[in-house]
Amino acid sequence: MLVITLDFRQLRDRQDLYRQLIEQSEGPATFGDNLDALWDWLTGGMALPARIRLRHLEEHPRPAQFAAVVAVMEEAVASLDGELQITID
């Protein structure tokens, strides 16, 4: 199982999140850095099964900027029948 850990103490913004996600999941250098590209990667490009751990999200100075990203991740979880797991701690 692919395990990805995104530590929000080390992320400044969504671009950092996308970069870390793609690096840890061996994604393409041409990743689009947007919500549509995130959906496509989570549901069709990334190796599954996978678990994404979102650490210290609420400790980020601006956690609201990640709300849409987390929503896309949760929607992907719902559509992938257990192949993708997200934990927020």
Protein backbone atom coordinates (compact mmCIF):
# COMPACT_ATOMS: atom_id res chain seq x y z
CA MET A 1 0.00 0.00 0.00
CA LEU A 2 1.23 3.46 -0.90
CA VAL A 3 1.44 5.68 2.20
CA ILE A 4 1.67 9.45 1.82
CA THR A 5 2.13 11.85 4.73
CA LEU A 6 1.46 15.54 4.25
CA ASP A 7 2.63 17.55 7.25
CA PHE A 8 0.97 20.95 7.19
CA ARG A 9 3.67 22.41 9.44
CA GLN A 10 5.90 22.13 6.36
CA LEU A 11 3.42 23.35 3.74
CA ARG A 12 3.00 27.03 2.97
CA ASP A 13 0.16 26.74 0.44
CA ARG A 14 -1.69 24.46 -1.96
CA GLN A 15 1.22 24.46 -4.40
CA ASP A 16 3.41 22.92 -1.68
CA LEU A 17 0.73 20.33 -0.98
CA TYR A 18 0.49 19.35 -4.65
CA ARG A 19 4.28 19.16 -4.92
CA GLN A 20 4.59 16.93 -1.86
CA LEU A 21 1.73 14.69 -2.97
CA ILE A 22 3.22 14.21 -6.43
CA GLU A 23 6.73 13.60 -5.08
CA GLN A 24 5.55 11.01 -2.56
CA SER A 25 3.26 9.23 -5.03
CA GLU A 26 5.76 9.34 -7.91
CA GLY A 27 3.47 11.47 -10.02
CA PRO A 28 4.26 13.22 -13.27
CA ALA A 29 6.29 16.41 -13.44
CA THR A 30 3.49 17.76 -15.62
CA PHE A 31 0.90 17.60 -12.80
CA GLY A 32 -1.50 20.53 -13.22
CA ASP A 33 -1.49 21.90 -9.64
CA ASN A 34 -5.26 22.34 -9.51
CA LEU A 35 -8.32 20.55 -8.16
CA ASP A 36 -9.17 18.85 -11.47
CA ALA A 37 -5.65 17.47 -11.76
CA LEU A 38 -5.85 16.32 -8.13
CA TRP A 39 -9.09 14.44 -8.82
CA ASP A 40 -7.63 12.82 -11.93
CA TRP A 41 -4.48 11.77 -10.08
CA LEU A 42 -6.30 10.37 -7.04
CA THR A 43 -8.89 8.44 -9.05
CA GLY A 44 -6.95 7.32 -12.07
CA GLY A 45 -3.24 8.04 -12.00
CA MET A 46 -1.94 7.22 -8.55
CA ALA A 47 -1.13 3.68 -7.51
CA LEU A 48 -3.85 2.17 -5.34
CA PRO A 49 -4.49 1.11 -2.65
CA ALA A 50 -3.19 4.19 -0.91
CA ARG A 51 -3.46 6.02 2.40
CA ILE A 52 -2.95 9.77 2.70
CA ARG A 53 -2.27 11.10 6.16
CA LEU A 54 -2.91 14.81 6.68
CA ARG A 55 -0.94 15.83 9.77
CA HIS A 56 -1.32 19.08 11.70
CA LEU A 57 -3.86 20.59 9.31
CA GLU A 58 -5.55 22.63 12.04
CA GLU A 59 -2.19 23.98 13.17
CA HIS A 60 -1.56 25.62 9.81
CA PRO A 61 -1.85 29.43 9.95
CA ARG A 62 -4.43 29.35 7.11
CA PRO A 63 -6.11 25.92 7.11
CA ALA A 64 -9.14 27.19 5.18
CA GLN A 65 -7.06 27.45 1.99
CA PHE A 66 -6.91 23.63 1.96
CA ALA A 67 -10.66 23.03 2.40
CA ALA A 68 -11.32 22.41 -1.30
CA VAL A 69 -8.34 20.02 -1.52
CA VAL A 70 -9.59 18.01 1.46
CA ALA A 71 -13.09 17.96 -0.04
CA VAL A 72 -11.75 16.53 -3.33
CA MET A 73 -9.77 13.92 -1.38
CA GLU A 74 -12.87 12.92 0.60
CA GLU A 75 -14.93 12.69 -2.57
CA ALA A 76 -12.26 10.45 -4.10
CA VAL A 77 -12.35 8.23 -1.01
CA ALA A 78 -16.11 7.84 -1.42
CA SER A 79 -15.80 6.93 -5.09
CA LEU A 80 -12.97 4.39 -4.79
CA ASP A 81 -14.59 1.69 -2.64
CA GLY A 82 -11.92 1.49 0.03
CA GLU A 83 -8.91 1.77 -2.30
CA LEU A 84 -8.07 5.22 -0.92
CA GLN A 85 -8.02 6.21 2.74
CA ILE A 86 -7.56 9.66 4.24
CA THR A 87 -6.74 10.32 7.88
CA ILE A 88 -6.59 13.76 9.43
CA ASP A 89 -4.68 14.11 12.66
